[in-house]
Amino acid sequence: AGRTGHLTPQGTFSTYGYYDWCYMVDGTY
């Protein structure tokens, strides 16, 4: 559910941007 300072937000959201692979901010995929 997240880590300190980056907790999971709660609510209902729309999705967009669907990727087979996505490069993430920490250098992983």
PDB file of all heavy atoms in Angstrom:
ATOM      1  N   ALA A   1       0.803  -1.228   0.000  1.00  0.00           N
ATOM      2  CA  ALA A   1       0.000   0.000   0.000  1.00  0.00           C
ATOM      3  C   ALA A   1       0.830   1.270   0.000  1.00  0.00           C
ATOM      4  O   ALA A   1       0.307   2.342   0.193  1.00  0.00           O
ATOM      5  CB  ALA A   1      -0.929  -0.012   1.193  1.00  0.00           C
ATOM      6  N   GLY A   2       2.107   1.190  -0.210  1.00  0.00           N
ATOM      7  CA  GLY A   2       2.933   2.384  -0.271  1.00  0.00           C
ATOM      8  C   GLY A   2       3.970   2.410   0.829  1.00  0.00           C
ATOM      9  O   GLY A   2       4.000   1.573   1.718  1.00  0.00           O
ATOM     10  N   ARG A   3       4.830   3.412   0.717  1.00  0.00           N
ATOM     11  CA  ARG A   3       5.880   3.585   1.722  1.00  0.00           C
ATOM     12  C   ARG A   3       5.766   4.998   2.286  1.00  0.00           C
ATOM     13  O   ARG A   3       5.059   5.837   1.734  1.00  0.00           O
ATOM     14  CB  ARG A   3       7.254   3.335   1.097  1.00  0.00           C
ATOM     15  CG  ARG A   3       7.643   4.323   0.016  1.00  0.00           C
ATOM     16  CD  ARG A   3       9.006   3.953  -0.592  1.00  0.00           C
ATOM     17  NE  ARG A   3       9.536   5.008  -1.391  1.00  0.00           N
ATOM     18  CZ  ARG A   3       9.297   5.190  -2.673  1.00  0.00           C
ATOM     19  NH1 ARG A   3       8.510   4.359  -3.323  1.00  0.00           N
ATOM     20  NH2 ARG A   3       9.833   6.198  -3.327  1.00  0.00           N
ATOM     21  N   THR A   4       6.456   5.256   3.353  1.00  0.00           N
ATOM     22  CA  THR A   4       6.403   6.556   4.004  1.00  0.00           C
ATOM     23  C   THR A   4       6.659   7.663   2.991  1.00  0.00           C
ATOM     24  O   THR A   4       7.623   7.610   2.235  1.00  0.00           O
ATOM     25  CB  THR A   4       7.449   6.629   5.133  1.00  0.00           C
ATOM     26  OG1 THR A   4       7.197   5.563   6.045  1.00  0.00           O
ATOM     27  CG2 THR A   4       7.369   7.963   5.862  1.00  0.00           C
ATOM     28  N   GLY A   5       5.780   8.630   2.958  1.00  0.00           N
ATOM     29  CA  GLY A   5       5.899   9.740   2.022  1.00  0.00           C
ATOM     30  C   GLY A   5       5.300   9.451   0.657  1.00  0.00           C
ATOM     31  O   GLY A   5       5.179  10.340  -0.174  1.00  0.00           O
ATOM     32  N   HIS A   6       4.933   8.208   0.400  1.00  0.00           N
ATOM     33  CA  HIS A   6       4.363   7.808  -0.897  1.00  0.00           C
ATOM     34  C   HIS A   6       3.222   6.829  -0.668  1.00  0.00           C
ATOM     35  O   HIS A   6       3.139   5.795  -1.318  1.00  0.00           O
ATOM     36  CB  HIS A   6       5.437   7.160  -1.777  1.00  0.00           C
ATOM     37  CG  HIS A   6       6.582   8.056  -2.064  1.00  0.00           C
ATOM     38  ND1 HIS A   6       6.534   9.041  -3.019  1.00  0.00           N
ATOM     39  CD2 HIS A   6       7.803   8.147  -1.489  1.00  0.00           C
ATOM     40  CE1 HIS A   6       7.686   9.691  -3.033  1.00  0.00           C
ATOM     41  NE2 HIS A   6       8.469   9.161  -2.108  1.00  0.00           N
ATOM     42  N   LEU A   7       2.359   7.152   0.262  1.00  0.00           N
ATOM     43  CA  LEU A   7       1.264   6.251   0.586  1.00  0.00           C
ATOM     44  C   LEU A   7       0.249   6.205  -0.542  1.00  0.00           C
ATOM     45  O   LEU A   7       0.080   7.164  -1.299  1.00  0.00           O
ATOM     46  CB  LEU A   7       0.591   6.685   1.892  1.00  0.00           C
ATOM     47  CG  LEU A   7       1.484   6.627   3.129  1.00  0.00           C
ATOM     48  CD1 LEU A   7       0.733   7.123   4.353  1.00  0.00           C
ATOM     49  CD2 LEU A   7       1.995   5.213   3.349  1.00  0.00           C
ATOM     50  N   THR A   8      -0.419   5.102  -0.641  1.00  0.00           N
ATOM     51  CA  THR A   8      -1.422   4.891  -1.674  1.00  0.00           C
ATOM     52  C   THR A   8      -2.613   5.813  -1.458  1.00  0.00           C
ATOM     53  O   THR A   8      -3.197   5.823  -0.380  1.00  0.00           O
ATOM     54  CB  THR A   8      -1.898   3.430  -1.635  1.00  0.00           C
ATOM     55  OG1 THR A   8      -0.787   2.582  -1.834  1.00  0.00           O
ATOM     56  CG2 THR A   8      -2.948   3.162  -2.691  1.00  0.00           C
ATOM     57  N   PRO A   9      -2.976   6.591  -2.474  1.00  0.00           N
ATOM     58  CA  PRO A   9      -4.173   7.425  -2.340  1.00  0.00           C
ATOM     59  C   PRO A   9      -5.419   6.541  -2.389  1.00  0.00           C
ATOM     60  O   PRO A   9      -5.402   5.466  -2.957  1.00  0.00           O
ATOM     61  CB  PRO A   9      -4.101   8.351  -3.545  1.00  0.00           C
ATOM     62  CG  PRO A   9      -3.203   7.681  -4.500  1.00  0.00           C
ATOM     63  CD  PRO A   9      -2.311   6.770  -3.736  1.00  0.00           C
ATOM     64  N   GLN A  10      -6.479   7.005  -1.787  1.00  0.00           N
ATOM     65  CA  GLN A  10      -7.719   6.244  -1.794  1.00  0.00           C
ATOM     66  C   GLN A  10      -8.772   6.976  -2.586  1.00  0.00           C
ATOM     67  O   GLN A  10      -8.799   8.199  -2.626  1.00  0.00           O
ATOM     68  CB  GLN A  10      -8.181   6.003  -0.358  1.00  0.00           C
ATOM     69  CG  GLN A  10      -7.212   5.150   0.422  1.00  0.00           C
ATOM     70  CD  GLN A  10      -7.724   4.835   1.814  1.00  0.00           C
ATOM     71  OE1 GLN A  10      -8.857   5.123   2.156  1.00  0.00           O
ATOM     72  NE2 GLN A  10      -6.871   4.231   2.617  1.00  0.00           N
ATOM     73  N   GLY A  11      -9.629   6.229  -3.248  1.00  0.00           N
ATOM     74  CA  GLY A  11     -10.687   6.806  -4.054  1.00  0.00           C
ATOM     75  C   GLY A  11     -10.930   5.992  -5.294  1.00  0.00           C
ATOM     76  O   GLY A  11     -10.431   4.876  -5.428  1.00  0.00           O
ATOM     77  N   THR A  12     -11.669   6.564  -6.216  1.00  0.00           N
ATOM     78  CA  THR A  12     -11.960   5.924  -7.497  1.00  0.00           C
ATOM     79  C   THR A  12     -11.348   6.776  -8.590  1.00  0.00           C
ATOM     80  O   THR A  12     -11.537   7.993  -8.598  1.00  0.00           O
ATOM     81  CB  THR A  12     -13.481   5.807  -7.714  1.00  0.00           C
ATOM     82  OG1 THR A  12     -14.033   5.033  -6.641  1.00  0.00           O
ATOM     83  CG2 THR A  12     -13.793   5.145  -9.043  1.00  0.00           C
ATOM     84  N   PHE A  13     -10.605   6.146  -9.501  1.00  0.00           N
ATOM     85  CA  PHE A  13      -9.885   6.885 -10.519  1.00  0.00           C
ATOM     86  C   PHE A  13     -10.047   6.250 -11.889  1.00  0.00           C
ATOM     87  O   PHE A  13     -10.257   5.047 -12.002  1.00  0.00           O
ATOM     88  CB  PHE A  13      -8.395   6.937 -10.173  1.00  0.00           C
ATOM     89  CG  PHE A  13      -8.134   7.541  -8.824  1.00  0.00           C
ATOM     90  CD1 PHE A  13      -8.095   6.763  -7.689  1.00  0.00           C
ATOM     91  CD2 PHE A  13      -7.953   8.905  -8.689  1.00  0.00           C
ATOM     92  CE1 PHE A  13      -7.876   7.306  -6.442  1.00  0.00           C
ATOM     93  CE2 PHE A  13      -7.737   9.469  -7.450  1.00  0.00           C
ATOM     94  CZ  PHE A  13      -7.703   8.672  -6.323  1.00  0.00           C
ATOM     95  N   SER A  14      -9.924   7.062 -12.916  1.00  0.00           N
ATOM     96  CA  SER A  14      -9.905   6.569 -14.286  1.00  0.00           C
ATOM     97  C   SER A  14      -8.484   6.155 -14.634  1.00  0.00           C
ATOM     98  O   SER A  14      -7.522   6.698 -14.083  1.00  0.00           O
ATOM     99  CB  SER A  14     -10.359   7.657 -15.255  1.00  0.00           C
ATOM    100  OG  SER A  14     -11.690   8.019 -14.991  1.00  0.00           O
ATOM    101  N   THR A  15      -8.369   5.197 -15.535  1.00  0.00           N
ATOM    102  CA  THR A  15      -7.054   4.753 -15.975  1.00  0.00           C
ATOM    103  C   THR A  15      -6.775   5.257 -17.386  1.00  0.00           C
ATOM    104  O   THR A  15      -7.693   5.570 -18.141  1.00  0.00           O
ATOM    105  CB  THR A  15      -6.957   3.210 -15.951  1.00  0.00           C
ATOM    106  OG1 THR A  15      -7.931   2.665 -16.827  1.00  0.00           O
ATOM    107  CG2 THR A  15      -7.169   2.674 -14.543  1.00  0.00           C
ATOM    108  N   TYR A  16      -5.507   5.348 -17.718  1.00  0.00           N
ATOM    109  CA  TYR A  16      -5.065   5.759 -19.051  1.00  0.00           C
ATOM    110  C   TYR A  16      -3.634   5.275 -19.217  1.00  0.00           C
ATOM    111  O   TYR A  16      -3.016   4.820 -18.259  1.00  0.00           O
ATOM    112  CB  TYR A  16      -5.146   7.283 -19.216  1.00  0.00           C
ATOM    113  CG  TYR A  16      -4.240   8.029 -18.262  1.00  0.00           C
ATOM    114  CD1 TYR A  16      -2.972   8.433 -18.669  1.00  0.00           C
ATOM    115  CD2 TYR A  16      -4.639   8.313 -16.962  1.00  0.00           C
ATOM    116  CE1 TYR A  16      -2.131   9.107 -17.788  1.00  0.00           C
ATOM    117  CE2 TYR A  16      -3.816   8.982 -16.090  1.00  0.00           C
ATOM    118  CZ  TYR A  16      -2.557   9.377 -16.508  1.00  0.00           C
ATOM    119  OH  TYR A  16      -1.726  10.028 -15.638  1.00  0.00           O
ATOM    120  N   GLY A  17      -3.082   5.348 -20.392  1.00  0.00           N
ATOM    121  CA  GLY A  17      -1.694   4.983 -20.618  1.00  0.00           C
ATOM    122  C   GLY A  17      -1.419   3.530 -20.289  1.00  0.00           C
ATOM    123  O   GLY A  17      -1.002   3.205 -19.188  1.00  0.00           O
ATOM    124  N   TYR A  18      -1.666   2.650 -21.233  1.00  0.00           N
ATOM    125  CA  TYR A  18      -1.469   1.214 -21.043  1.00  0.00           C
ATOM    126  C   TYR A  18      -0.177   0.799 -21.747  1.00  0.00           C
ATOM    127  O   TYR A  18       0.006   1.079 -22.927  1.00  0.00           O
ATOM    128  CB  TYR A  18      -2.663   0.449 -21.613  1.00  0.00           C
ATOM    129  CG  TYR A  18      -3.960   0.911 -20.985  1.00  0.00           C
ATOM    130  CD1 TYR A  18      -4.688   1.966 -21.530  1.00  0.00           C
ATOM    131  CD2 TYR A  18      -4.440   0.304 -19.830  1.00  0.00           C
ATOM    132  CE1 TYR A  18      -5.858   2.406 -20.940  1.00  0.00           C
ATOM    133  CE2 TYR A  18      -5.614   0.741 -19.236  1.00  0.00           C
ATOM    134  CZ  TYR A  18      -6.312   1.786 -19.796  1.00  0.00           C
ATOM    135  OH  TYR A  18      -7.472   2.220 -19.202  1.00  0.00           O
ATOM    136  N   TYR A  19       0.728   0.148 -21.014  1.00  0.00           N
ATOM    137  CA  TYR A  19       2.046  -0.198 -21.541  1.00  0.00           C
ATOM    138  C   TYR A  19       2.352  -1.674 -21.314  1.00  0.00           C
ATOM    139  O   TYR A  19       2.103  -2.200 -20.231  1.00  0.00           O
ATOM    140  CB  TYR A  19       3.139   0.618 -20.844  1.00  0.00           C
ATOM    141  CG  TYR A  19       2.846   2.095 -20.771  1.00  0.00           C
ATOM    142  CD1 TYR A  19       2.255   2.639 -19.637  1.00  0.00           C
ATOM    143  CD2 TYR A  19       3.152   2.934 -21.827  1.00  0.00           C
ATOM    144  CE1 TYR A  19       1.983   3.987 -19.554  1.00  0.00           C
ATOM    145  CE2 TYR A  19       2.885   4.294 -21.751  1.00  0.00           C
ATOM    146  CZ  TYR A  19       2.291   4.810 -20.615  1.00  0.00           C
ATOM    147  OH  TYR A  19       2.020   6.142 -20.534  1.00  0.00           O
ATOM    148  N   ASP A  20       2.953  -2.305 -22.321  1.00  0.00           N
ATOM    149  CA  ASP A  20       3.436  -3.666 -22.141  1.00  0.00           C
ATOM    150  C   ASP A  20       4.608  -3.645 -21.168  1.00  0.00           C
ATOM    151  O   ASP A  20       4.695  -4.462 -20.258  1.00  0.00           O
ATOM    152  CB  ASP A  20       3.850  -4.266 -23.490  1.00  0.00           C
ATOM    153  CG  ASP A  20       4.151  -5.744 -23.379  1.00  0.00           C
ATOM    154  OD1 ASP A  20       3.466  -6.451 -22.621  1.00  0.00           O
ATOM    155  OD2 ASP A  20       5.087  -6.196 -24.058  1.00  0.00           O
ATOM    156  N   TRP A  21       5.528  -2.686 -21.356  1.00  0.00           N
ATOM    157  CA  TRP A  21       6.654  -2.439 -20.454  1.00  0.00           C
ATOM    158  C   TRP A  21       6.729  -0.939 -20.215  1.00  0.00           C
ATOM    159  O   TRP A  21       6.536  -0.155 -21.137  1.00  0.00           O
ATOM    160  CB  TRP A  21       7.973  -2.886 -21.075  1.00  0.00           C
ATOM    161  CG  TRP A  21       8.143  -4.367 -21.123  1.00  0.00           C
ATOM    162  CD1 TRP A  21       7.900  -5.186 -22.203  1.00  0.00           C
ATOM    163  CD2 TRP A  21       8.586  -5.221 -20.077  1.00  0.00           C
ATOM    164  NE1 TRP A  21       8.169  -6.478 -21.874  1.00  0.00           N
ATOM    165  CE2 TRP A  21       8.595  -6.536 -20.576  1.00  0.00           C
ATOM    166  CE3 TRP A  21       8.970  -5.003 -18.754  1.00  0.00           C
ATOM    167  CZ2 TRP A  21       8.978  -7.624 -19.809  1.00  0.00           C
ATOM    168  CZ3 TRP A  21       9.358  -6.087 -17.996  1.00  0.00           C
ATOM    169  CH2 TRP A  21       9.362  -7.375 -18.518  1.00  0.00           C
ATOM    170  N   CYS A  22       7.031  -0.543 -18.986  1.00  0.00           N
ATOM    171  CA  CYS A  22       7.147   0.883 -18.682  1.00  0.00           C
ATOM    172  C   CYS A  22       8.380   1.124 -17.816  1.00  0.00           C
ATOM    173  O   CYS A  22       8.565   0.464 -16.788  1.00  0.00           O
ATOM    174  CB  CYS A  22       5.899   1.365 -17.949  1.00  0.00           C
ATOM    175  SG  CYS A  22       5.875   3.149 -17.676  1.00  0.00           S
ATOM    176  N   TYR A  23       9.229   2.055 -18.244  1.00  0.00           N
ATOM    177  CA  TYR A  23      10.403   2.429 -17.463  1.00  0.00           C
ATOM    178  C   TYR A  23       9.946   3.273 -16.285  1.00  0.00           C
ATOM    179  O   TYR A  23       9.178   4.213 -16.443  1.00  0.00           O
ATOM    180  CB  TYR A  23      11.382   3.222 -18.332  1.00  0.00           C
ATOM    181  CG  TYR A  23      12.662   3.578 -17.627  1.00  0.00           C
ATOM    182  CD1 TYR A  23      13.629   2.611 -17.386  1.00  0.00           C
ATOM    183  CD2 TYR A  23      12.897   4.872 -17.193  1.00  0.00           C
ATOM    184  CE1 TYR A  23      14.809   2.925 -16.736  1.00  0.00           C
ATOM    185  CE2 TYR A  23      14.071   5.207 -16.548  1.00  0.00           C
ATOM    186  CZ  TYR A  23      15.029   4.233 -16.315  1.00  0.00           C
ATOM    187  OH  TYR A  23      16.189   4.546 -15.665  1.00  0.00           O
ATOM    188  N   MET A  24      10.405   2.922 -15.095  1.00  0.00           N
ATOM    189  CA  MET A  24       9.944   3.610 -13.887  1.00  0.00           C
ATOM    190  C   MET A  24      11.049   4.483 -13.293  1.00  0.00           C
ATOM    191  O   MET A  24      12.224   4.348 -13.641  1.00  0.00           O
ATOM    192  CB  MET A  24       9.433   2.576 -12.880  1.00  0.00           C
ATOM    193  CG  MET A  24       8.261   1.781 -13.448  1.00  0.00           C
ATOM    194  SD  MET A  24       7.460   0.662 -12.291  1.00  0.00           S
ATOM    195  CE  MET A  24       8.738  -0.502 -11.939  1.00  0.00           C
ATOM    196  N   VAL A  25      10.674   5.372 -12.382  1.00  0.00           N
ATOM    197  CA  VAL A  25      11.585   6.377 -11.840  1.00  0.00           C
ATOM    198  C   VAL A  25      12.784   5.795 -11.100  1.00  0.00           C
ATOM    199  O   VAL A  25      13.807   6.454 -10.970  1.00  0.00           O
ATOM    200  CB  VAL A  25      10.849   7.373 -10.907  1.00  0.00           C
ATOM    201  CG1 VAL A  25       9.806   8.156 -11.676  1.00  0.00           C
ATOM    202  CG2 VAL A  25      10.217   6.667  -9.724  1.00  0.00           C
ATOM    203  N   ASP A  26      12.682   4.563 -10.620  1.00  0.00           N
ATOM    204  CA  ASP A  26      13.807   3.974  -9.884  1.00  0.00           C
ATOM    205  C   ASP A  26      14.742   3.167 -10.774  1.00  0.00           C
ATOM    206  O   ASP A  26      15.613   2.471 -10.279  1.00  0.00           O
ATOM    207  CB  ASP A  26      13.287   3.108  -8.732  1.00  0.00           C
ATOM    208  CG  ASP A  26      12.521   1.888  -9.208  1.00  0.00           C
ATOM    209  OD1 ASP A  26      12.218   1.790 -10.417  1.00  0.00           O
ATOM    210  OD2 ASP A  26      12.216   1.028  -8.367  1.00  0.00           O
ATOM    211  N   GLY A  27      14.550   3.246 -12.102  1.00  0.00           N
ATOM    212  CA  GLY A  27      15.420   2.538 -13.029  1.00  0.00           C
ATOM    213  C   GLY A  27      15.000   1.109 -13.326  1.00  0.00           C
ATOM    214  O   GLY A  27      15.685   0.389 -14.034  1.00  0.00           O
ATOM    215  N   THR A  28      13.853   0.695 -12.795  1.00  0.00           N
ATOM    216  CA  THR A  28      13.335  -0.637 -13.091  1.00  0.00           C
ATOM    217  C   THR A  28      12.252  -0.519 -14.152  1.00  0.00           C
ATOM    218  O   THR A  28      11.875   0.584 -14.556  1.00  0.00           O
ATOM    219  CB  THR A  28      12.750  -1.305 -11.828  1.00  0.00           C
ATOM    220  OG1 THR A  28      11.659  -0.508 -11.360  1.00  0.00           O
ATOM    221  CG2 THR A  28      13.800  -1.456 -10.736  1.00  0.00           C
ATOM    222  N   TYR A  29      11.749  -1.661 -14.595  1.00  0.00           N
ATOM    223  CA  TYR A  29      10.670  -1.708 -15.570  1.00  0.00           C
ATOM    224  C   TYR A  29       9.480  -2.431 -14.964  1.00  0.00           C
ATOM    225  O   TYR A  29       9.640  -3.413 -14.242  1.00  0.00           O
ATOM    226  CB  TYR A  29      11.109  -2.445 -16.841  1.00  0.00           C
ATOM    227  CG  TYR A  29      12.115  -1.671 -17.646  1.00  0.00           C
ATOM    228  CD1 TYR A  29      13.473  -1.747 -17.346  1.00  0.00           C
ATOM    229  CD2 TYR A  29      11.706  -0.852 -18.691  1.00  0.00           C
ATOM    230  CE1 TYR A  29      14.402  -1.024 -18.079  1.00  0.00           C
ATOM    231  CE2 TYR A  29      12.631  -0.125 -19.424  1.00  0.00           C
ATOM    232  CZ  TYR A  29      13.974  -0.214 -19.106  1.00  0.00           C
ATOM    233  OH  TYR A  29      14.889   0.507 -19.832  1.00  0.00           O
TER     234      TYR A  29
END
